Amino acid sequence: MTTIGDYFSLAYDPSSREFDNVFHQDCTIQWLRDGQFESFTTEEYRSLIYGRPSPSSLNAPRDEAILSISNISENLSAATVRVRIGKTAFIDHLVLRAVDGKWLITSKASYVAHVFQ
């Protein structure tokens, strides 16, 4: 699925993709950090993505994979992916919807799977 490939590219080098071509404007982003639940709006997450040094700019290894994908209907899919951002590997659960003929991430739930030394 092209949207997931674009998601991986956006995570590694935000300048390579338009955020709005990957995430729906009303997407919810959630994770636990130090045992605390955090939820971000699309705008807050966009600021986080573009405000941090990119893994590409740090010459960090690029490591990503689609672990599973389910096509629920012609307009709805769910995917579990692994993506490394610098020294942290995340497992992300993505809900994707076809909106106006374009697949976008409408929900993202994430957890830290591994921290590299």
C-alpha atoms as a PDB file:
ATOM      1  CA  MET A   1       0.000   0.000   0.000  1.00  0.00           C
ATOM      2  CA  THR A   2       1.519   3.289  -1.135  1.00  0.00           C
ATOM      3  CA  THR A   3       0.313   5.188   1.949  1.00  0.00           C
ATOM      4  CA  ILE A   4       2.362   2.957   4.242  1.00  0.00           C
ATOM      5  CA  GLY A   5       5.456   3.446   2.088  1.00  0.00           C
ATOM      6  CA  ASP A   6       4.870   7.189   2.245  1.00  0.00           C
ATOM      7  CA  TYR A   7       4.463   6.891   6.044  1.00  0.00           C
ATOM      8  CA  PHE A   8       7.861   5.169   6.285  1.00  0.00           C
ATOM      9  CA  SER A   9       9.478   7.846   4.103  1.00  0.00           C
ATOM     10  CA  LEU A  10       7.872  10.648   6.142  1.00  0.00           C
ATOM     11  CA  ALA A  11       9.192   9.087   9.371  1.00  0.00           C
ATOM     12  CA  TYR A  12      12.745   8.821   8.012  1.00  0.00           C
ATOM     13  CA  ASP A  13      12.929  12.090   6.108  1.00  0.00           C
ATOM     14  CA  PRO A  14       9.957  14.454   6.597  1.00  0.00           C
ATOM     15  CA  SER A  15      11.096  16.640   3.705  1.00  0.00           C
ATOM     16  CA  SER A  16      10.492  13.713   1.336  1.00  0.00           C
ATOM     17  CA  ARG A  17       6.695  13.661   1.704  1.00  0.00           C
ATOM     18  CA  GLU A  18       3.773  15.975   2.329  1.00  0.00           C
ATOM     19  CA  PHE A  19       2.276  15.237   5.752  1.00  0.00           C
ATOM     20  CA  ASP A  20      -1.261  15.826   4.416  1.00  0.00           C
ATOM     21  CA  ASN A  21      -0.742  13.114   1.788  1.00  0.00           C
ATOM     22  CA  VAL A  22      -0.202  10.565   4.575  1.00  0.00           C
ATOM     23  CA  PHE A  23      -2.367  11.666   7.528  1.00  0.00           C
ATOM     24  CA  HIS A  24      -6.015  12.728   7.494  1.00  0.00           C
ATOM     25  CA  GLN A  25      -6.542  16.189   8.994  1.00  0.00           C
ATOM     26  CA  ASP A  26      -8.593  14.662  11.859  1.00  0.00           C
ATOM     27  CA  CYS A  27      -6.244  11.748  12.598  1.00  0.00           C
ATOM     28  CA  THR A  28      -5.727  10.828  16.237  1.00  0.00           C
ATOM     29  CA  ILE A  29      -2.267   9.770  17.412  1.00  0.00           C
ATOM     30  CA  GLN A  30      -1.850   7.978  20.725  1.00  0.00           C
ATOM     31  CA  TRP A  31       0.814   6.236  22.783  1.00  0.00           C
ATOM     32  CA  LEU A  32       2.023   5.570  26.291  1.00  0.00           C
ATOM     33  CA  ARG A  33       5.144   7.367  27.466  1.00  0.00           C
ATOM     34  CA  ASP A  34       6.566   6.437  30.856  1.00  0.00           C
ATOM     35  CA  GLY A  35       3.232   4.819  31.680  1.00  0.00           C
ATOM     36  CA  GLN A  36       1.274   7.966  30.824  1.00  0.00           C
ATOM     37  CA  PHE A  37      -1.292   8.066  28.028  1.00  0.00           C
ATOM     38  CA  GLU A  38      -0.629  10.770  25.450  1.00  0.00           C
ATOM     39  CA  SER A  39      -2.866  11.835  22.586  1.00  0.00           C
ATOM     40  CA  PHE A  40      -1.974  14.254  19.826  1.00  0.00           C
ATOM     41  CA  THR A  41      -3.973  16.115  17.252  1.00  0.00           C
ATOM     42  CA  THR A  42      -2.788  15.991  13.676  1.00  0.00           C
ATOM     43  CA  GLU A  43      -1.335  19.503  13.984  1.00  0.00           C
ATOM     44  CA  GLU A  44       0.563  18.614  17.178  1.00  0.00           C
ATOM     45  CA  TYR A  45       1.971  15.492  15.551  1.00  0.00           C
ATOM     46  CA  ARG A  46       2.921  17.412  12.401  1.00  0.00           C
ATOM     47  CA  SER A  47       4.884  19.872  14.605  1.00  0.00           C
ATOM     48  CA  LEU A  48       6.621  16.963  16.324  1.00  0.00           C
ATOM     49  CA  ILE A  49       7.595  15.301  13.018  1.00  0.00           C
ATOM     50  CA  TYR A  50       8.909  18.487  11.405  1.00  0.00           C
ATOM     51  CA  GLY A  51      10.393  19.876  14.639  1.00  0.00           C
ATOM     52  CA  ARG A  52      12.807  17.060  15.404  1.00  0.00           C
ATOM     53  CA  PRO A  53      16.039  16.205  13.609  1.00  0.00           C
ATOM     54  CA  SER A  54      15.139  13.593  11.018  1.00  0.00           C
ATOM     55  CA  PRO A  55      16.739  10.140  11.146  1.00  0.00           C
ATOM     56  CA  SER A  56      17.987  10.848   7.608  1.00  0.00           C
ATOM     57  CA  SER A  57      19.816  13.993   8.723  1.00  0.00           C
ATOM     58  CA  LEU A  58      21.464  11.998  11.534  1.00  0.00           C
ATOM     59  CA  ASN A  59      22.486   9.177   9.159  1.00  0.00           C
ATOM     60  CA  ALA A  60      20.493   6.778  11.353  1.00  0.00           C
ATOM     61  CA  PRO A  61      19.747   3.350   9.922  1.00  0.00           C
ATOM     62  CA  ARG A  62      16.464   2.990   8.097  1.00  0.00           C
ATOM     63  CA  ASP A  63      14.527  -0.011   9.388  1.00  0.00           C
ATOM     64  CA  GLU A  64      10.844  -0.566   8.720  1.00  0.00           C
ATOM     65  CA  ALA A  65       8.451  -3.364   7.888  1.00  0.00           C
ATOM     66  CA  ILE A  66       4.793  -4.115   7.402  1.00  0.00           C
ATOM     67  CA  LEU A  67       4.019  -6.783  10.005  1.00  0.00           C
ATOM     68  CA  SER A  68       0.386  -7.304   9.015  1.00  0.00           C
ATOM     69  CA  ILE A  69      -2.326  -5.709   6.948  1.00  0.00           C
ATOM     70  CA  SER A  70      -6.059  -6.378   6.814  1.00  0.00           C
ATOM     71  CA  ASN A  71      -8.338  -5.058   4.132  1.00  0.00           C
ATOM     72  CA  ILE A  72     -11.594  -4.759   6.027  1.00  0.00           C
ATOM     73  CA  SER A  73     -13.639  -3.222   3.241  1.00  0.00           C
ATOM     74  CA  GLU A  74     -13.056  -1.270   0.053  1.00  0.00           C
ATOM     75  CA  ASN A  75     -12.671   1.898   2.181  1.00  0.00           C
ATOM     76  CA  LEU A  76     -11.055   0.580   5.371  1.00  0.00           C
ATOM     77  CA  SER A  77      -7.791  -1.190   6.188  1.00  0.00           C
ATOM     78  CA  ALA A  78      -5.710  -1.773   9.296  1.00  0.00           C
ATOM     79  CA  ALA A  79      -1.964  -2.305   9.394  1.00  0.00           C
ATOM     80  CA  THR A  80       0.644  -3.080  12.002  1.00  0.00           C
ATOM     81  CA  VAL A  81       4.087  -1.769  11.105  1.00  0.00           C
ATOM     82  CA  ARG A  82       7.537  -1.482  12.651  1.00  0.00           C
ATOM     83  CA  VAL A  83       9.506   1.705  12.144  1.00  0.00           C
ATOM     84  CA  ARG A  84      12.789   2.875  13.621  1.00  0.00           C
ATOM     85  CA  ILE A  85      13.250   6.549  14.453  1.00  0.00           C
ATOM     86  CA  GLY A  86      16.868   7.059  15.480  1.00  0.00           C
ATOM     87  CA  LYS A  87      17.563   4.781  18.440  1.00  0.00           C
ATOM     88  CA  THR A  88      13.930   3.813  19.023  1.00  0.00           C
ATOM     89  CA  ALA A  89      11.921   1.101  17.264  1.00  0.00           C
ATOM     90  CA  PHE A  90       8.155   1.541  17.370  1.00  0.00           C
ATOM     91  CA  ILE A  91       5.289  -0.789  16.594  1.00  0.00           C
ATOM     92  CA  ASP A  92       2.477   1.278  15.105  1.00  0.00           C
ATOM     93  CA  HIS A  93      -1.108   0.192  14.585  1.00  0.00           C
ATOM     94  CA  LEU A  94      -2.583   2.229  11.749  1.00  0.00           C
ATOM     95  CA  VAL A  95      -6.166   2.588  10.594  1.00  0.00           C
ATOM     96  CA  LEU A  96      -6.357   3.692   6.973  1.00  0.00           C
ATOM     97  CA  ARG A  97      -9.424   4.925   5.119  1.00  0.00           C
ATOM     98  CA  ALA A  98     -10.073   5.819   1.525  1.00  0.00           C
ATOM     99  CA  VAL A  99     -11.338   9.396   1.723  1.00  0.00           C
ATOM    100  CA  ASP A 100     -12.349  11.025  -1.537  1.00  0.00           C
ATOM    101  CA  GLY A 101     -10.481   8.298  -3.415  1.00  0.00           C
ATOM    102  CA  LYS A 102      -7.232   8.734  -1.466  1.00  0.00           C
ATOM    103  CA  TRP A 103      -5.916   6.416   1.257  1.00  0.00           C
ATOM    104  CA  LEU A 104      -4.972   8.278   4.471  1.00  0.00           C
ATOM    105  CA  ILE A 105      -4.049   7.295   8.016  1.00  0.00           C
ATOM    106  CA  THR A 106      -6.978   8.225  10.271  1.00  0.00           C
ATOM    107  CA  SER A 107      -5.707   6.701  13.522  1.00  0.00           C
ATOM    108  CA  LYS A 108      -2.289   5.751  14.878  1.00  0.00           C
ATOM    109  CA  ALA A 109      -1.581   3.912  18.128  1.00  0.00           C
ATOM    110  CA  SER A 110       2.087   3.370  18.889  1.00  0.00           C
ATOM    111  CA  TYR A 111       4.368   1.794  21.448  1.00  0.00           C
ATOM    112  CA  VAL A 112       8.119   1.587  21.950  1.00  0.00           C
ATOM    113  CA  ALA A 113       9.261  -1.902  21.004  1.00  0.00           C
ATOM    114  CA  HIS A 114      13.011  -1.429  21.513  1.00  0.00           C
ATOM    115  CA  VAL A 115      15.584   1.231  22.341  1.00  0.00           C
ATOM    116  CA  PHE A 116      19.002   0.713  20.744  1.00  0.00           C
ATOM    117  CA  GLN A 117      22.179   1.709  22.568  1.00  0.00           C
END
